[in-house]
PDB file of N, CA and C in Angstrom:
ATOM      1  N   MET A   1       0.691  -1.418   0.198  1.00  0.00           N
ATOM      2  CA  MET A   1      -0.065   0.026  -0.005  1.00  0.00           C
ATOM      3  C   MET A   1       0.837   1.510  -0.166  1.00  0.00           C
ATOM      4  N   ILE A   2       2.054   0.884   0.970  1.00  0.00           N
ATOM      5  CA  ILE A   2       2.850   2.159   1.067  1.00  0.00           C
ATOM      6  C   ILE A   2       3.423   2.457  -0.918  1.00  0.00           C
ATOM      7  N   ARG A   3       3.494   1.708  -0.935  1.00  0.00           N
ATOM      8  CA  ARG A   3       4.444   1.833  -2.415  1.00  0.00           C
ATOM      9  C   ARG A   3       3.076   2.615  -3.744  1.00  0.00           C
ATOM     10  N   GLN A   4       2.071   2.434  -3.095  1.00  0.00           N
ATOM     11  CA  GLN A   4       1.105   2.459  -4.042  1.00  0.00           C
ATOM     12  C   GLN A   4       1.049   4.081  -3.988  1.00  0.00           C
ATOM     13  N   HIS A   5       0.927   4.673  -2.696  1.00  0.00           N
ATOM     14  CA  HIS A   5       0.525   6.085  -2.687  1.00  0.00           C
ATOM     15  C   HIS A   5       2.227   6.528  -3.118  1.00  0.00           C
ATOM     16  N   ARG A   6       3.031   6.054  -2.793  1.00  0.00           N
ATOM     17  CA  ARG A   6       4.263   6.522  -3.190  1.00  0.00           C
ATOM     18  C   ARG A   6       4.208   6.764  -5.204  1.00  0.00           C
ATOM     19  N   GLU A   7       3.925   5.943  -5.394  1.00  0.00           N
ATOM     20  CA  GLU A   7       4.009   6.118  -6.979  1.00  0.00           C
ATOM     21  C   GLU A   7       2.735   6.919  -7.444  1.00  0.00           C
ATOM     22  N   LYS A   8       1.788   7.412  -6.356  1.00  0.00           N
ATOM     23  CA  LYS A   8       0.754   8.155  -6.533  1.00  0.00           C
ATOM     24  C   LYS A   8       1.080   9.559  -6.827  1.00  0.00           C
ATOM     25  N   TYR A   9       1.899   9.385  -5.490  1.00  0.00           N
ATOM     26  CA  TYR A   9       2.561  11.245  -5.137  1.00  0.00           C
ATOM     27  C   TYR A   9       4.262  10.993  -5.038  1.00  0.00           C
ATOM     28  N   PRO A  10       4.585  10.908  -5.901  1.00  0.00           N
ATOM     29  CA  PRO A  10       6.307  11.234  -5.916  1.00  0.00           C
ATOM     30  C   PRO A  10       6.597  12.105  -5.324  1.00  0.00           C
ATOM     31  N   ASP A  11       6.444  13.589  -5.158  1.00  0.00           N
ATOM     32  CA  ASP A  11       6.688  14.623  -5.196  1.00  0.00           C
ATOM     33  C   ASP A  11       6.914  14.552  -2.925  1.00  0.00           C
ATOM     34  N   LEU A  12       6.002  13.724  -2.408  1.00  0.00           N
ATOM     35  CA  LEU A  12       5.483  13.624  -1.469  1.00  0.00           C
ATOM     36  C   LEU A  12       6.751  12.522  -0.953  1.00  0.00           C
ATOM     37  N   GLN A  13       7.322  11.707  -1.797  1.00  0.00           N
ATOM     38  CA  GLN A  13       8.203  10.781  -1.521  1.00  0.00           C
ATOM     39  C   GLN A  13       9.574  10.357   0.059  1.00  0.00           C
ATOM     40  N   SER A  14       9.899  11.815   0.356  1.00  0.00           N
ATOM     41  CA  SER A  14      10.946  12.755   1.196  1.00  0.00           C
ATOM     42  C   SER A  14       9.715  13.121   2.374  1.00  0.00           C
ATOM     43  N   SER A  15       8.956  13.693   2.138  1.00  0.00           N
ATOM     44  CA  SER A  15       8.447  14.525   3.182  1.00  0.00           C
ATOM     45  C   SER A  15       8.531  13.785   4.241  1.00  0.00           C
ATOM     46  N   GLN A  16       8.367  12.838   4.800  1.00  0.00           N
ATOM     47  CA  GLN A  16       7.732  12.339   6.030  1.00  0.00           C
ATOM     48  C   GLN A  16       9.353  12.312   6.863  1.00  0.00           C
ATOM     49  N   ALA A  17      10.143  11.792   5.493  1.00  0.00           N
ATOM     50  CA  ALA A  17      11.494  11.906   6.225  1.00  0.00           C
ATOM     51  C   ALA A  17      11.991  13.646   6.895  1.00  0.00           C
ATOM     52  N   ALA A  18      11.499  14.069   6.438  1.00  0.00           N
ATOM     53  CA  ALA A  18      11.923  15.763   6.632  1.00  0.00           C
ATOM     54  C   ALA A  18      11.357  16.197   7.444  1.00  0.00           C
ATOM     55  N   MET A  19      10.370  15.229   8.004  1.00  0.00           N
ATOM     56  CA  MET A  19       9.211  15.803   9.068  1.00  0.00           C
ATOM     57  C   MET A  19      10.455  14.909  10.033  1.00  0.00           C
ATOM     58  N   ILE A  20      10.277  14.178  10.169  1.00  0.00           N
ATOM     59  CA  ILE A  20      11.105  13.617  11.465  1.00  0.00           C
ATOM     60  C   ILE A  20      12.302  14.393  11.663  1.00  0.00           C
ATOM     61  N   ARG A  21      13.257  14.283  11.105  1.00  0.00           N
ATOM     62  CA  ARG A  21      14.747  14.933  10.641  1.00  0.00           C
ATOM     63  C   ARG A  21      14.290  16.956  11.522  1.00  0.00           C
ATOM     64  N   ALA A  22      13.091  17.162  10.810  1.00  0.00           N
ATOM     65  CA  ALA A  22      12.422  18.880  11.638  1.00  0.00           C
ATOM     66  C   ALA A  22      11.926  18.276  13.250  1.00  0.00           C
ATOM     67  N   ALA A  23      11.344  17.306  13.496  1.00  0.00           N
ATOM     68  CA  ALA A  23      10.788  16.895  14.954  1.00  0.00           C
ATOM     69  C   ALA A  23      12.359  16.621  15.749  1.00  0.00           C
ATOM     70  N   ARG A  24      13.177  15.517  15.134  1.00  0.00           N
ATOM     71  CA  ARG A  24      13.832  15.980  15.875  1.00  0.00           C
ATOM     72  C   ARG A  24      15.039  16.975  16.292  1.00  0.00           C
ATOM     73  N   THR A  25      15.262  17.419  15.008  1.00  0.00           N
ATOM     74  CA  THR A  25      16.208  18.629  15.401  1.00  0.00           C
ATOM     75  C   THR A  25      15.337  19.923  16.884  1.00  0.00           C
ATOM     76  N   ALA A  26      14.334  19.786  16.134  1.00  0.00           N
ATOM     77  CA  ALA A  26      13.501  20.760  17.384  1.00  0.00           C
ATOM     78  C   ALA A  26      13.653  20.097  18.762  1.00  0.00           C
ATOM     79  N   ALA A  27      13.277  18.875  18.953  1.00  0.00           N
ATOM     80  CA  ALA A  27      13.610  17.980  20.556  1.00  0.00           C
ATOM     81  C   ALA A  27      14.952  18.468  20.828  1.00  0.00           C
ATOM     82  N   ALA A  28      15.629  18.649  19.836  1.00  0.00           N
ATOM     83  CA  ALA A  28      17.470  18.774  20.779  1.00  0.00           C
ATOM     84  C   ALA A  28      17.764  20.148  21.032  1.00  0.00           C
ATOM     85  N   LEU A  29      16.760  21.251  19.818  1.00  0.00           N
ATOM     86  CA  LEU A  29      17.132  22.413  20.325  1.00  0.00           C
ATOM     87  C   LEU A  29      16.562  22.541  22.338  1.00  0.00           C
ATOM     88  N   ALA A  30      15.099  21.837  22.009  1.00  0.00           N
ATOM     89  CA  ALA A  30      14.210  22.399  22.763  1.00  0.00           C
ATOM     90  C   ALA A  30      14.820  21.768  24.032  1.00  0.00           C
ATOM     91  N   LYS A  31      15.172  20.916  24.342  1.00  0.00           N
ATOM     92  CA  LYS A  31      16.377  20.007  25.233  1.00  0.00           C
ATOM     93  C   LYS A  31      17.588  21.349  25.756  1.00  0.00           C
ATOM     94  N   GLN A  32      18.041  21.644  24.466  1.00  0.00           N
ATOM     95  CA  GLN A  32      19.310  21.883  25.128  1.00  0.00           C
ATOM     96  C   GLN A  32      19.209  23.792  25.885  1.00  0.00           C
ATOM     97  N   HIS A  33      18.084  24.205  25.488  1.00  0.00           N
ATOM     98  CA  HIS A  33      17.428  25.583  26.224  1.00  0.00           C
ATOM     99  C   HIS A  33      16.677  25.382  26.759  1.00  0.00           C
ATOM    100  N   GLY A  34      16.431  24.033  27.471  1.00  0.00           N
ATOM    101  CA  GLY A  34      15.835  24.041  28.569  1.00  0.00           C
ATOM    102  C   GLY A  34      13.927  24.520  28.071  1.00  0.00           C
ATOM    103  N   GLN A  35      13.611  24.544  26.790  1.00  0.00           N
ATOM    104  CA  GLN A  35      12.072  25.029  26.976  1.00  0.00           C
ATOM    105  C   GLN A  35      11.407  23.969  26.624  1.00  0.00           C
ATOM    106  N   SER A  36       9.595  24.067  26.206  1.00  0.00           N
ATOM    107  CA  SER A  36       8.850  22.976  25.709  1.00  0.00           C
ATOM    108  C   SER A  36       8.409  23.664  24.815  1.00  0.00           C
ATOM    109  N   LEU A  37       7.828  22.485  24.106  1.00  0.00           N
ATOM    110  CA  LEU A  37       7.549  21.914  23.243  1.00  0.00           C
ATOM    111  C   LEU A  37       5.670  21.995  23.306  1.00  0.00           C
ATOM    112  N   LEU A  38       5.412  22.590  22.091  1.00  0.00           N
ATOM    113  CA  LEU A  38       3.459  22.270  21.932  1.00  0.00           C
ATOM    114  C   LEU A  38       3.504  21.038  20.721  1.00  0.00           C
ATOM    115  N   LEU A  39       3.039  20.481  21.330  1.00  0.00           N
ATOM    116  CA  LEU A  39       2.493  19.021  20.587  1.00  0.00           C
ATOM    117  C   LEU A  39       1.251  18.773  20.469  1.00  0.00           C
ATOM    118  N   TRP A  40       0.788  18.054  19.800  1.00  0.00           N
ATOM    119  CA  TRP A  40      -0.743  17.941  19.459  1.00  0.00           C
ATOM    120  C   TRP A  40      -1.209  16.216  20.095  1.00  0.00           C
ATOM    121  N   ARG A  41      -1.404  16.581  21.054  1.00  0.00           N
ATOM    122  CA  ARG A  41      -2.221  14.826  21.445  1.00  0.00           C
ATOM    123  C   ARG A  41      -3.339  14.650  22.105  1.00  0.00           C
ATOM    124  N   ASP A  42      -4.227  13.655  21.845  1.00  0.00           N
ATOM    125  CA  ASP A  42      -5.284  13.158  22.166  1.00  0.00           C
ATOM    126  C   ASP A  42      -6.517  14.388  21.566  1.00  0.00           C
ATOM    127  N   GLY A  43      -6.199  15.104  20.363  1.00  0.00           N
ATOM    128  CA  GLY A  43      -6.689  16.024  19.655  1.00  0.00           C
ATOM    129  C   GLY A  43      -6.533  17.766  20.678  1.00  0.00           C
ATOM    130  N   ARG A  44      -5.770  17.182  20.805  1.00  0.00           N
ATOM    131  CA  ARG A  44      -5.764  18.863  21.811  1.00  0.00           C
ATOM    132  C   ARG A  44      -3.933  19.541  21.475  1.00  0.00           C
ATOM    133  N   ILE A  45      -3.377  20.360  21.806  1.00  0.00           N
ATOM    134  CA  ILE A  45      -2.433  20.882  21.882  1.00  0.00           C
ATOM    135  C   ILE A  45      -1.940  20.986  23.175  1.00  0.00           C
ATOM    136  N   VAL A  46      -0.813  20.066  23.488  1.00  0.00           N
ATOM    137  CA  VAL A  46      -0.093  20.253  24.839  1.00  0.00           C
ATOM    138  C   VAL A  46       1.086  20.834  24.537  1.00  0.00           C
ATOM    139  N   ARG A  47       1.540  21.580  25.898  1.00  0.00           N
ATOM    140  CA  ARG A  47       3.076  21.733  26.238  1.00  0.00           C
ATOM    141  C   ARG A  47       3.623  20.291  26.686  1.00  0.00           C
ATOM    142  N   VAL A  48       5.102  20.394  26.652  1.00  0.00           N
ATOM    143  CA  VAL A  48       5.664  19.242  26.588  1.00  0.00           C
ATOM    144  C   VAL A  48       6.886  19.737  27.122  1.00  0.00           C
ATOM    145  N   ALA A  49       7.133  19.387  28.377  1.00  0.00           N
ATOM    146  CA  ALA A  49       8.690  19.991  29.296  1.00  0.00           C
ATOM    147  C   ALA A  49       9.336  19.142  28.357  1.00  0.00           C
ATOM    148  N   PRO A  50      10.659  19.658  28.454  1.00  0.00           N
ATOM    149  CA  PRO A  50      11.799  18.742  27.530  1.00  0.00           C
ATOM    150  C   PRO A  50      12.098  18.096  28.070  1.00  0.00           C
ATOM    151  N   ASP A  51      12.486  17.649  29.121  1.00  0.00           N
ATOM    152  CA  ASP A  51      12.234  16.447  29.909  1.00  0.00           C
ATOM    153  C   ASP A  51      11.512  15.051  29.194  1.00  0.00           C
ATOM    154  N   GLU A  52      10.426  15.459  28.682  1.00  0.00           N
ATOM    155  CA  GLU A  52       9.256  15.019  28.745  1.00  0.00           C
ATOM    156  C   GLU A  52       8.797  14.347  27.292  1.00  0.00           C
ATOM    157  N   LEU A  53       9.863  14.938  26.588  1.00  0.00           N
ATOM    158  CA  LEU A  53       9.545  14.946  25.190  1.00  0.00           C
ATOM    159  C   LEU A  53      10.006  13.204  24.504  1.00  0.00           C
ATOM    160  N   PRO A  54       8.859  12.609  23.647  1.00  0.00           N
ATOM    161  CA  PRO A  54       9.234  11.550  22.788  1.00  0.00           C
ATOM    162  C   PRO A  54      10.250  11.464  22.327  1.00  0.00           C
ATOM    163  N   ASP A  55      10.808   9.937  22.437  1.00  0.00           N
ATOM    164  CA  ASP A  55      11.948   9.513  21.220  1.00  0.00           C
ATOM    165  C   ASP A  55      11.288   9.183  20.241  1.00  0.00           C
ATOM    166  N   LEU A  56      12.628  10.001  19.460  1.00  0.00           N
ATOM    167  CA  LEU A  56      11.929   9.847  17.893  1.00  0.00           C
ATOM    168  C   LEU A  56      12.979   8.828  17.199  1.00  0.00           C
ATOM    169  N   PRO A  57      12.599   8.358  16.283  1.00  0.00           N
ATOM    170  CA  PRO A  57      13.707   6.984  15.281  1.00  0.00           C
ATOM    171  C   PRO A  57      14.653   7.578  15.303  1.00  0.00           C
ATOM    172  N   GLU A  58      15.859   7.160  15.528  1.00  0.00           N
ATOM    173  CA  GLU A  58      17.067   7.448  14.888  1.00  0.00           C
ATOM    174  C   GLU A  58      17.500   7.536  13.576  1.00  0.00           C
ATOM    175  N   GLN A  59      16.598   6.798  12.652  1.00  0.00           N
ATOM    176  CA  GLN A  59      16.262   6.643  11.250  1.00  0.00           C
ATOM    177  C   GLN A  59      15.342   6.718  10.520  1.00  0.00           C
ATOM    178  N   THR A  60      15.424   7.316   9.855  1.00  0.00           N
ATOM    179  CA  THR A  60      13.968   7.885   8.920  1.00  0.00           C
ATOM    180  C   THR A  60      13.450   7.105   7.705  1.00  0.00           C
ATOM    181  N   PRO A  61      12.647   7.193   7.758  1.00  0.00           N
ATOM    182  CA  PRO A  61      11.597   5.400   7.111  1.00  0.00           C
ATOM    183  C   PRO A  61      12.077   5.248   5.516  1.00  0.00           C
ATOM    184  N   GLN A  62      12.522   5.857   4.791  1.00  0.00           N
ATOM    185  CA  GLN A  62      13.353   5.600   3.590  1.00  0.00           C
ATOM    186  C   GLN A  62      15.004   4.757   4.061  1.00  0.00           C
ATOM    187  N   ALA A  63      15.342   5.027   5.167  1.00  0.00           N
ATOM    188  CA  ALA A  63      16.538   4.393   5.613  1.00  0.00           C
ATOM    189  C   ALA A  63      16.331   2.837   6.138  1.00  0.00           C
ATOM    190  N   PHE A  64      15.159   2.517   6.391  1.00  0.00           N
ATOM    191  CA  PHE A  64      14.144   1.233   7.182  1.00  0.00           C
ATOM    192  C   PHE A  64      14.379   0.683   6.159  1.00  0.00           C
ATOM    193  N   GLU A  65      13.865   1.029   4.930  1.00  0.00           N
ATOM    194  CA  GLU A  65      13.278   0.840   3.691  1.00  0.00           C
ATOM    195  C   GLU A  65      14.298   0.129   3.195  1.00  0.00           C
ATOM    196  N   GLN A  66      15.573   0.500   2.802  1.00  0.00           N
ATOM    197  CA  GLN A  66      16.810   0.292   2.605  1.00  0.00           C
ATOM    198  C   GLN A  66      17.467  -0.645   3.097  1.00  0.00           C
ATOM    199  N   SER A  67      17.667  -0.957   4.456  1.00  0.00           N
ATOM    200  CA  SER A  67      18.462  -1.628   5.047  1.00  0.00           C
ATOM    201  C   SER A  67      17.368  -2.975   4.703  1.00  0.00           C
TER     202      SER A  67
END
């Protein structure tokens, strides 16, 4: 099914990987500066302290598929 979406929307192939990289960078900066981030959880926007930020995958989806 994922392959069908990729063939149908080739311009979006890298968007998920880019969003994960951006989220990882934002989380790292928030932790570095002790700032909270706003996240969408359970249909609401919530403020999350830097020590409560969820872990993000080390690899992007494209890297998972290539391995």
